[in-house]
Amino acid sequence: MKESVPFAFFSLLALLRGRLDTLLLGFLTDYSAVGYYQLAFRVMFASFFVPVVVGLMFFPQLST
């Protein structure tokens, strides 16, 4: 159990790094702006996968 503490610590740091923009925005503005930011970020992040799926649908030989 003692050996897992560094891994848990680095995992926590990685999670904080991924959400640092949201945390900083939460300190500087109100919560409605943070909500709009997260909604826009999720839509933008999901849009990255659309060209990949369309490309795999038309060119399935590229997936192997």
PDB file of N, CA and C in Angstrom:
ATOM      1  N   MET A   1       0.824  -1.187   0.000  1.00  0.00           N
ATOM      2  CA  MET A   1       0.000   0.000   0.000  1.00  0.00           C
ATOM      3  C   MET A   1       0.870   1.254   0.000  1.00  0.00           C
ATOM      4  N   LYS A   2       1.960   1.196   0.698  1.00  0.00           N
ATOM      5  CA  LYS A   2       2.839   2.351   0.785  1.00  0.00           C
ATOM      6  C   LYS A   2       3.493   2.670  -0.563  1.00  0.00           C
ATOM      7  N   GLU A   3       3.715   1.640  -1.369  1.00  0.00           N
ATOM      8  CA  GLU A   3       4.354   1.839  -2.660  1.00  0.00           C
ATOM      9  C   GLU A   3       3.430   2.491  -3.678  1.00  0.00           C
ATOM     10  N   SER A   4       2.137   2.487  -3.437  1.00  0.00           N
ATOM     11  CA  SER A   4       1.192   3.055  -4.397  1.00  0.00           C
ATOM     12  C   SER A   4       0.977   4.560  -4.207  1.00  0.00           C
ATOM     13  N   VAL A   5       1.506   5.147  -3.159  1.00  0.00           N
ATOM     14  CA  VAL A   5       1.297   6.574  -2.892  1.00  0.00           C
ATOM     15  C   VAL A   5       1.863   7.455  -4.014  1.00  0.00           C
ATOM     16  N   PRO A   6       3.076   7.211  -4.520  1.00  0.00           N
ATOM     17  CA  PRO A   6       3.549   8.072  -5.622  1.00  0.00           C
ATOM     18  C   PRO A   6       2.683   7.972  -6.883  1.00  0.00           C
ATOM     19  N   PHE A   7       2.178   6.782  -7.173  1.00  0.00           N
ATOM     20  CA  PHE A   7       1.323   6.628  -8.348  1.00  0.00           C
ATOM     21  C   PHE A   7       0.003   7.371  -8.170  1.00  0.00           C
ATOM     22  N   ALA A   8      -0.556   7.323  -6.987  1.00  0.00           N
ATOM     23  CA  ALA A   8      -1.790   8.064  -6.720  1.00  0.00           C
ATOM     24  C   ALA A   8      -1.542   9.569  -6.797  1.00  0.00           C
ATOM     25  N   PHE A   9      -0.393  10.012  -6.298  1.00  0.00           N
ATOM     26  CA  PHE A   9      -0.055  11.433  -6.343  1.00  0.00           C
ATOM     27  C   PHE A   9       0.100  11.919  -7.779  1.00  0.00           C
ATOM     28  N   PHE A  10       0.817  11.166  -8.607  1.00  0.00           N
ATOM     29  CA  PHE A  10       1.001  11.569  -9.997  1.00  0.00           C
ATOM     30  C   PHE A  10      -0.294  11.469 -10.789  1.00  0.00           C
ATOM     31  N   SER A  11      -1.154  10.556 -10.426  1.00  0.00           N
ATOM     32  CA  SER A  11      -2.460  10.471 -11.071  1.00  0.00           C
ATOM     33  C   SER A  11      -3.295  11.706 -10.737  1.00  0.00           C
ATOM     34  N   LEU A  12      -3.240  12.134  -9.494  1.00  0.00           N
ATOM     35  CA  LEU A  12      -3.947  13.345  -9.085  1.00  0.00           C
ATOM     36  C   LEU A  12      -3.399  14.568  -9.812  1.00  0.00           C
ATOM     37  N   LEU A  13      -2.079  14.650  -9.946  1.00  0.00           N
ATOM     38  CA  LEU A  13      -1.484  15.767 -10.681  1.00  0.00           C
ATOM     39  C   LEU A  13      -1.905  15.769 -12.146  1.00  0.00           C
ATOM     40  N   ALA A  14      -2.009  14.588 -12.753  1.00  0.00           N
ATOM     41  CA  ALA A  14      -2.441  14.506 -14.146  1.00  0.00           C
ATOM     42  C   ALA A  14      -3.893  14.951 -14.293  1.00  0.00           C
ATOM     43  N   LEU A  15      -4.734  14.585 -13.349  1.00  0.00           N
ATOM     44  CA  LEU A  15      -6.125  15.029 -13.403  1.00  0.00           C
ATOM     45  C   LEU A  15      -6.236  16.538 -13.232  1.00  0.00           C
ATOM     46  N   LEU A  16      -5.446  17.090 -12.330  1.00  0.00           N
ATOM     47  CA  LEU A  16      -5.467  18.538 -12.136  1.00  0.00           C
ATOM     48  C   LEU A  16      -4.945  19.275 -13.360  1.00  0.00           C
ATOM     49  N   ARG A  17      -3.936  18.717 -14.017  1.00  0.00           N
ATOM     50  CA  ARG A  17      -3.415  19.352 -15.224  1.00  0.00           C
ATOM     51  C   ARG A  17      -4.469  19.393 -16.318  1.00  0.00           C
ATOM     52  N   GLY A  18      -5.268  18.339 -16.403  1.00  0.00           N
ATOM     53  CA  GLY A  18      -6.318  18.302 -17.411  1.00  0.00           C
ATOM     54  C   GLY A  18      -7.454  19.262 -17.132  1.00  0.00           C
ATOM     55  N   ARG A  19      -7.649  19.618 -15.875  1.00  0.00           N
ATOM     56  CA  ARG A  19      -8.748  20.513 -15.493  1.00  0.00           C
ATOM     57  C   ARG A  19      -8.282  21.871 -14.999  1.00  0.00           C
ATOM     58  N   LEU A  20      -7.022  22.198 -15.221  1.00  0.00           N
ATOM     59  CA  LEU A  20      -6.487  23.450 -14.711  1.00  0.00           C
ATOM     60  C   LEU A  20      -7.161  24.661 -15.333  1.00  0.00           C
ATOM     61  N   ASP A  21      -7.481  24.593 -16.603  1.00  0.00           N
ATOM     62  CA  ASP A  21      -8.149  25.717 -17.252  1.00  0.00           C
ATOM     63  C   ASP A  21      -9.524  25.970 -16.644  1.00  0.00           C
ATOM     64  N   THR A  22     -10.237  24.906 -16.339  1.00  0.00           N
ATOM     65  CA  THR A  22     -11.558  25.053 -15.730  1.00  0.00           C
ATOM     66  C   THR A  22     -11.459  25.608 -14.319  1.00  0.00           C
ATOM     67  N   LEU A  23     -10.496  25.119 -13.550  1.00  0.00           N
ATOM     68  CA  LEU A  23     -10.311  25.627 -12.193  1.00  0.00           C
ATOM     69  C   LEU A  23      -9.937  27.104 -12.193  1.00  0.00           C
ATOM     70  N   LEU A  24      -9.038  27.488 -13.075  1.00  0.00           N
ATOM     71  CA  LEU A  24      -8.633  28.888 -13.144  1.00  0.00           C
ATOM     72  C   LEU A  24      -9.783  29.772 -13.599  1.00  0.00           C
ATOM     73  N   LEU A  25     -10.548  29.310 -14.561  1.00  0.00           N
ATOM     74  CA  LEU A  25     -11.711  30.069 -15.009  1.00  0.00           C
ATOM     75  C   LEU A  25     -12.742  30.196 -13.881  1.00  0.00           C
ATOM     76  N   GLY A  26     -12.870  29.145 -13.063  1.00  0.00           N
ATOM     77  CA  GLY A  26     -13.789  29.206 -11.934  1.00  0.00           C
ATOM     78  C   GLY A  26     -13.378  30.215 -10.887  1.00  0.00           C
ATOM     79  N   PHE A  27     -12.065  30.421 -10.715  1.00  0.00           N
ATOM     80  CA  PHE A  27     -11.597  31.427  -9.760  1.00  0.00           C
ATOM     81  C   PHE A  27     -11.771  32.840 -10.296  1.00  0.00           C
ATOM     82  N   LEU A  28     -11.704  33.014 -11.602  1.00  0.00           N
ATOM     83  CA  LEU A  28     -11.712  34.353 -12.186  1.00  0.00           C
ATOM     84  C   LEU A  28     -13.087  34.840 -12.613  1.00  0.00           C
ATOM     85  N   THR A  29     -14.008  33.929 -12.927  1.00  0.00           N
ATOM     86  CA  THR A  29     -15.339  34.341 -13.390  1.00  0.00           C
ATOM     87  C   THR A  29     -16.409  33.614 -12.590  1.00  0.00           C
ATOM     88  N   ASP A  30     -17.642  33.796 -12.998  1.00  0.00           N
ATOM     89  CA  ASP A  30     -18.736  33.116 -12.304  1.00  0.00           C
ATOM     90  C   ASP A  30     -18.937  31.713 -12.870  1.00  0.00           C
ATOM     91  N   TYR A  31     -19.788  30.951 -12.217  1.00  0.00           N
ATOM     92  CA  TYR A  31     -19.952  29.545 -12.565  1.00  0.00           C
ATOM     93  C   TYR A  31     -20.704  29.336 -13.872  1.00  0.00           C
ATOM     94  N   SER A  32     -21.505  30.285 -14.294  1.00  0.00           N
ATOM     95  CA  SER A  32     -22.194  30.114 -15.572  1.00  0.00           C
ATOM     96  C   SER A  32     -21.198  30.156 -16.736  1.00  0.00           C
ATOM     97  N   ALA A  33     -20.179  30.997 -16.635  1.00  0.00           N
ATOM     98  CA  ALA A  33     -19.150  31.036 -17.685  1.00  0.00           C
ATOM     99  C   ALA A  33     -18.371  29.728 -17.724  1.00  0.00           C
ATOM    100  N   VAL A  34     -18.132  29.141 -16.568  1.00  0.00           N
ATOM    101  CA  VAL A  34     -17.433  27.857 -16.510  1.00  0.00           C
ATOM    102  C   VAL A  34     -18.280  26.768 -17.151  1.00  0.00           C
ATOM    103  N   GLY A  35     -19.574  26.817 -16.918  1.00  0.00           N
ATOM    104  CA  GLY A  35     -20.472  25.837 -17.519  1.00  0.00           C
ATOM    105  C   GLY A  35     -20.511  25.948 -19.031  1.00  0.00           C
ATOM    106  N   TYR A  36     -20.591  27.176 -19.534  1.00  0.00           N
ATOM    107  CA  TYR A  36     -20.567  27.373 -20.986  1.00  0.00           C
ATOM    108  C   TYR A  36     -19.237  26.921 -21.587  1.00  0.00           C
ATOM    109  N   TYR A  37     -18.152  27.189 -20.880  1.00  0.00           N
ATOM    110  CA  TYR A  37     -16.835  26.776 -21.357  1.00  0.00           C
ATOM    111  C   TYR A  37     -16.740  25.259 -21.435  1.00  0.00           C
ATOM    112  N   GLN A  38     -17.201  24.571 -20.409  1.00  0.00           N
ATOM    113  CA  GLN A  38     -17.143  23.111 -20.408  1.00  0.00           C
ATOM    114  C   GLN A  38     -18.033  22.516 -21.487  1.00  0.00           C
ATOM    115  N   LEU A  39     -19.203  23.102 -21.700  1.00  0.00           N
ATOM    116  CA  LEU A  39     -20.089  22.620 -22.752  1.00  0.00           C
ATOM    117  C   LEU A  39     -19.450  22.797 -24.129  1.00  0.00           C
ATOM    118  N   ALA A  40     -18.878  23.952 -24.376  1.00  0.00           N
ATOM    119  CA  ALA A  40     -18.220  24.191 -25.658  1.00  0.00           C
ATOM    120  C   ALA A  40     -17.010  23.283 -25.831  1.00  0.00           C
ATOM    121  N   PHE A  41     -16.270  23.038 -24.759  1.00  0.00           N
ATOM    122  CA  PHE A  41     -15.099  22.173 -24.841  1.00  0.00           C
ATOM    123  C   PHE A  41     -15.500  20.738 -25.154  1.00  0.00           C
ATOM    124  N   ARG A  42     -16.585  20.266 -24.562  1.00  0.00           N
ATOM    125  CA  ARG A  42     -17.034  18.898 -24.839  1.00  0.00           C
ATOM    126  C   ARG A  42     -17.518  18.743 -26.282  1.00  0.00           C
ATOM    127  N   VAL A  43     -18.194  19.746 -26.792  1.00  0.00           N
ATOM    128  CA  VAL A  43     -18.644  19.691 -28.188  1.00  0.00           C
ATOM    129  C   VAL A  43     -17.433  19.717 -29.120  1.00  0.00           C
ATOM    130  N   MET A  44     -16.460  20.575 -28.826  1.00  0.00           N
ATOM    131  CA  MET A  44     -15.265  20.654 -29.653  1.00  0.00           C
ATOM    132  C   MET A  44     -14.474  19.341 -29.590  1.00  0.00           C
ATOM    133  N   PHE A  45     -14.353  18.766 -28.407  1.00  0.00           N
ATOM    134  CA  PHE A  45     -13.607  17.515 -28.246  1.00  0.00           C
ATOM    135  C   PHE A  45     -14.294  16.371 -28.986  1.00  0.00           C
ATOM    136  N   ALA A  46     -15.623  16.323 -28.939  1.00  0.00           N
ATOM    137  CA  ALA A  46     -16.363  15.277 -29.656  1.00  0.00           C
ATOM    138  C   ALA A  46     -16.250  15.457 -31.165  1.00  0.00           C
ATOM    139  N   SER A  47     -16.105  16.692 -31.621  1.00  0.00           N
ATOM    140  CA  SER A  47     -16.012  16.922 -33.061  1.00  0.00           C
ATOM    141  C   SER A  47     -14.698  16.421 -33.648  1.00  0.00           C
ATOM    142  N   PHE A  48     -13.692  16.183 -32.837  1.00  0.00           N
ATOM    143  CA  PHE A  48     -12.438  15.628 -33.339  1.00  0.00           C
ATOM    144  C   PHE A  48     -12.607  14.198 -33.826  1.00  0.00           C
ATOM    145  N   PHE A  49     -13.580  13.474 -33.284  1.00  0.00           N
ATOM    146  CA  PHE A  49     -13.749  12.078 -33.633  1.00  0.00           C
ATOM    147  C   PHE A  49     -14.606  11.870 -34.884  1.00  0.00           C
ATOM    148  N   VAL A  50     -15.339  12.867 -35.302  1.00  0.00           N
ATOM    149  CA  VAL A  50     -16.219  12.720 -36.462  1.00  0.00           C
ATOM    150  C   VAL A  50     -15.427  12.433 -37.738  1.00  0.00           C
ATOM    151  N   PRO A  51     -14.367  13.161 -38.068  1.00  0.00           N
ATOM    152  CA  PRO A  51     -13.629  12.821 -39.294  1.00  0.00           C
ATOM    153  C   PRO A  51     -12.994  11.427 -39.244  1.00  0.00           C
ATOM    154  N   VAL A  52     -12.597  10.997 -38.073  1.00  0.00           N
ATOM    155  CA  VAL A  52     -12.006   9.660 -37.948  1.00  0.00           C
ATOM    156  C   VAL A  52     -13.044   8.588 -38.255  1.00  0.00           C
ATOM    157  N   VAL A  53     -14.232   8.735 -37.717  1.00  0.00           N
ATOM    158  CA  VAL A  53     -15.290   7.755 -37.947  1.00  0.00           C
ATOM    159  C   VAL A  53     -15.716   7.752 -39.412  1.00  0.00           C
ATOM    160  N   VAL A  54     -15.848   8.921 -40.008  1.00  0.00           N
ATOM    161  CA  VAL A  54     -16.229   8.990 -41.417  1.00  0.00           C
ATOM    162  C   VAL A  54     -15.139   8.380 -42.289  1.00  0.00           C
ATOM    163  N   GLY A  55     -13.888   8.660 -41.964  1.00  0.00           N
ATOM    164  CA  GLY A  55     -12.798   8.072 -42.728  1.00  0.00           C
ATOM    165  C   GLY A  55     -12.744   6.563 -42.613  1.00  0.00           C
ATOM    166  N   LEU A  56     -13.006   6.035 -41.435  1.00  0.00           N
ATOM    167  CA  LEU A  56     -13.020   4.580 -41.266  1.00  0.00           C
ATOM    168  C   LEU A  56     -14.224   3.936 -41.938  1.00  0.00           C
ATOM    169  N   MET A  57     -15.306   4.684 -42.053  1.00  0.00           N
ATOM    170  CA  MET A  57     -16.486   4.139 -42.702  1.00  0.00           C
ATOM    171  C   MET A  57     -16.257   4.026 -44.211  1.00  0.00           C
ATOM    172  N   PHE A  58     -15.602   5.019 -44.814  1.00  0.00           N
ATOM    173  CA  PHE A  58     -15.376   4.989 -46.253  1.00  0.00           C
ATOM    174  C   PHE A  58     -14.136   4.199 -46.643  1.00  0.00           C
ATOM    175  N   PHE A  59     -13.168   4.123 -45.763  1.00  0.00           N
ATOM    176  CA  PHE A  59     -11.927   3.432 -46.053  1.00  0.00           C
ATOM    177  C   PHE A  59     -11.605   2.430 -44.942  1.00  0.00           C
ATOM    178  N   PRO A  60     -12.341   1.326 -44.843  1.00  0.00           N
ATOM    179  CA  PRO A  60     -12.130   0.381 -43.737  1.00  0.00           C
ATOM    180  C   PRO A  60     -10.782  -0.330 -43.797  1.00  0.00           C
ATOM    181  N   GLN A  61     -10.167  -0.384 -44.963  1.00  0.00           N
ATOM    182  CA  GLN A  61      -8.873  -1.058 -45.047  1.00  0.00           C
ATOM    183  C   GLN A  61      -7.785  -0.283 -44.315  1.00  0.00           C
ATOM    184  N   LEU A  62      -7.997   1.007 -44.061  1.00  0.00           N
ATOM    185  CA  LEU A  62      -7.019   1.787 -43.302  1.00  0.00           C
ATOM    186  C   LEU A  62      -7.026   1.467 -41.814  1.00  0.00           C
ATOM    187  N   SER A  63      -8.102   0.872 -41.331  1.00  0.00           N
ATOM    188  CA  SER A  63      -8.187   0.578 -39.897  1.00  0.00           C
ATOM    189  C   SER A  63      -7.420  -0.656 -39.500  1.00  0.00           C
ATOM    190  N   THR A  64      -7.006  -1.473 -40.457  1.00  0.00           N
ATOM    191  CA  THR A  64      -6.253  -2.690 -40.097  1.00  0.00           C
ATOM    192  C   THR A  64      -4.782  -2.506 -40.251  1.00  0.00           C
TER     193      THR A  64
END
